[in-house]
Amino acid sequence: MATSIRLSRGGSKKRPYYRIVVADSRAPRDGKFIERIGSYNPVLPKGDEKRVVLDIDRAKHWVAAGAQPTDRVARFLDAAGVKERAVRNNPKKAEPGQKAKDRAEDRAAKAAEAAEAAAAAAAEANAPAEEAPAEEAAEG
């Protein structure tokens, strides 16, 4: 049986409250669990000590027994000093995808073409107006 340490949601709409539970990985999120080892209330401010309540002894027991914590629970366990969490770094996270890059290039090309067309139209509009007085002066 593969066990996991994860969050089970409770509370009402727009007011979440989570239990930190040890459950079979195949059980539904809010369904049957083996043991409740803590709670997490994201509504409370970050400095509040009741935001994350964790039974450290039981958490250590389950981690030693091979239970796999989810990413969020792994953060709580790391903060409590139960299990080290490897710091993840994804430098490409903020980089746009290939399709977005292609769209940006197309948009830039269209903007450049529009700017060139506008500049050509402006030059064309200014050029005859400047030449006309010079031609009149030459004729007169």
Protein backbone atom coordinates (compact mmCIF):
# COMPACT_ATOMS: atom_id res chain seq x y z
CA MET A 1 0.00 0.00 0.00
CA ALA A 2 1.45 3.37 -1.07
CA THR A 3 0.77 6.01 1.56
CA SER A 4 1.00 9.73 1.15
CA ILE A 5 0.92 12.67 3.50
CA ARG A 6 -1.39 15.24 1.94
CA LEU A 7 -4.01 17.89 2.51
CA SER A 8 -7.70 17.04 2.83
CA ARG A 9 -9.96 20.04 2.26
CA GLY A 10 -12.74 21.06 4.57
CA GLY A 11 -14.45 24.33 5.38
CA SER A 12 -17.01 26.21 3.37
CA LYS A 13 -16.89 27.94 0.02
CA LYS A 14 -14.20 30.66 -0.11
CA ARG A 15 -13.12 29.70 3.45
CA PRO A 16 -10.77 26.72 3.04
CA TYR A 17 -9.49 24.65 5.92
CA TYR A 18 -7.21 21.67 5.44
CA ARG A 19 -6.39 18.61 7.52
CA ILE A 20 -2.92 17.16 7.10
CA VAL A 21 -3.61 13.45 6.79
CA VAL A 22 -1.85 10.20 6.04
CA ALA A 23 -3.89 8.35 3.43
CA ASP A 24 -3.66 5.61 0.87
CA SER A 25 -2.55 7.30 -2.34
CA ARG A 26 -5.54 5.76 -4.18
CA ALA A 27 -8.14 7.18 -1.76
CA PRO A 28 -10.08 10.32 -2.78
CA ARG A 29 -8.74 13.70 -1.66
CA ASP A 30 -11.39 14.31 1.00
CA GLY A 31 -12.18 10.65 1.56
CA LYS A 32 -10.92 7.89 3.81
CA PHE A 33 -7.61 8.46 5.58
CA ILE A 34 -5.44 6.48 7.98
CA GLU A 35 -4.49 9.19 10.47
CA ARG A 36 -4.81 12.93 10.92
CA ILE A 37 -1.46 14.44 11.88
CA GLY A 38 -2.20 18.16 11.70
CA SER A 39 -4.10 21.05 10.16
CA TYR A 40 -3.50 24.04 7.89
CA ASN A 41 -5.63 27.17 7.87
CA PRO A 42 -4.59 29.44 4.96
CA VAL A 43 -7.07 32.13 6.06
CA LEU A 44 -4.91 33.01 9.07
CA PRO A 45 -2.00 35.47 8.60
CA LYS A 46 1.42 34.00 7.79
CA GLY A 47 2.94 34.80 11.18
CA ASP A 48 0.19 33.04 13.17
CA GLU A 49 1.37 29.87 14.96
CA LYS A 50 -2.06 28.24 14.46
CA ARG A 51 -1.80 28.53 10.65
CA VAL A 52 0.04 25.18 10.49
CA VAL A 53 -0.39 22.73 13.38
CA LEU A 54 1.59 19.51 13.00
CA ASP A 55 2.17 16.46 15.22
CA ILE A 56 5.91 16.23 14.60
CA ASP A 57 6.38 12.79 16.22
CA ARG A 58 3.71 11.17 14.03
CA ALA A 59 5.01 12.97 10.94
CA LYS A 60 8.50 11.58 11.60
CA HIS A 61 7.02 8.11 12.10
CA TRP A 62 5.15 8.18 8.79
CA VAL A 63 8.08 9.63 6.83
CA ALA A 64 10.27 6.85 8.28
CA ALA A 65 7.59 4.33 7.26
CA GLY A 66 7.87 5.52 3.65
CA ALA A 67 4.91 7.88 3.29
CA GLN A 68 5.48 10.40 0.47
CA PRO A 69 4.46 14.01 1.26
CA THR A 70 2.93 16.21 -1.42
CA ASP A 71 4.78 19.41 -2.39
CA ARG A 72 2.80 21.65 -0.02
CA VAL A 73 3.07 19.23 2.91
CA ALA A 74 6.79 18.81 2.18
CA ARG A 75 7.15 22.57 2.74
CA PHE A 76 5.44 22.24 6.13
CA LEU A 77 7.62 19.27 7.09
CA ASP A 78 10.75 21.18 6.05
CA ALA A 79 9.70 24.20 8.13
CA ALA A 80 9.09 21.90 11.14
CA GLY A 81 12.46 20.20 10.64
CA VAL A 82 11.02 16.74 9.96
CA LYS A 83 12.27 16.19 6.40
CA GLU A 84 14.62 18.24 4.24
CA ARG A 85 13.11 19.46 1.00
CA ALA A 86 15.34 20.01 -2.01
CA VAL A 87 15.05 23.60 -3.18
CA ARG A 88 13.66 23.67 -6.68
CA ASN A 89 14.68 26.23 -9.26
CA ASN A 90 13.05 26.55 -12.65
CA PRO A 91 14.61 29.48 -14.52
CA LYS A 92 12.46 28.78 -17.59
CA LYS A 93 9.21 29.16 -15.63
CA ALA A 94 8.69 32.81 -16.54
CA GLU A 95 9.82 32.36 -20.13
CA PRO A 96 6.93 32.34 -22.61
CA GLY A 97 6.20 29.26 -24.69
CA GLN A 98 7.14 28.82 -28.35
CA LYS A 99 3.70 29.81 -29.67
CA ALA A 100 3.73 33.01 -27.61
CA LYS A 101 7.21 33.84 -28.95
CA ASP A 102 6.00 33.28 -32.52
CA ARG A 103 2.97 35.52 -31.94
CA ALA A 104 5.20 38.23 -30.49
CA GLU A 105 7.50 38.05 -33.54
CA ASP A 106 4.50 38.28 -35.90
CA ARG A 107 3.13 41.22 -33.93
CA ALA A 108 6.52 42.98 -34.04
CA ALA A 109 6.83 42.38 -37.80
CA LYS A 110 3.33 43.76 -38.44
CA ALA A 111 4.08 46.78 -36.24
CA ALA A 112 7.31 47.42 -38.17
CA GLU A 113 5.47 47.14 -41.51
CA ALA A 114 2.77 49.52 -40.28
CA ALA A 115 5.40 51.99 -39.07
CA GLU A 116 7.20 51.84 -42.42
CA ALA A 117 3.92 52.35 -44.28
CA ALA A 118 3.02 55.29 -42.05
CA ALA A 119 6.46 56.82 -42.51
CA ALA A 120 6.24 56.36 -46.30
CA ALA A 121 2.75 57.91 -46.35
CA ALA A 122 3.94 60.84 -44.25
CA ALA A 123 6.98 61.36 -46.47
CA GLU A 124 4.79 61.13 -49.57
CA ALA A 125 2.35 63.67 -48.13
CA ASN A 126 5.15 66.08 -47.18
CA ALA A 127 7.19 65.72 -50.37
CA PRO A 128 4.64 67.09 -52.92
CA ALA A 129 3.75 69.97 -50.62
CA GLU A 130 7.41 71.03 -50.46
CA GLU A 131 8.04 70.57 -54.21
CA ALA A 132 4.98 72.49 -55.36
CA PRO A 133 6.12 75.92 -54.07
CA ALA A 134 9.57 75.36 -55.54
CA GLU A 135 8.05 74.57 -58.98
CA GLU A 136 5.84 77.68 -58.80
CA ALA A 137 8.83 79.82 -57.91
CA ALA A 138 10.80 78.40 -60.84
CA GLU A 139 7.94 79.07 -63.28
CA GLY A 140 7.16 82.53 -62.01
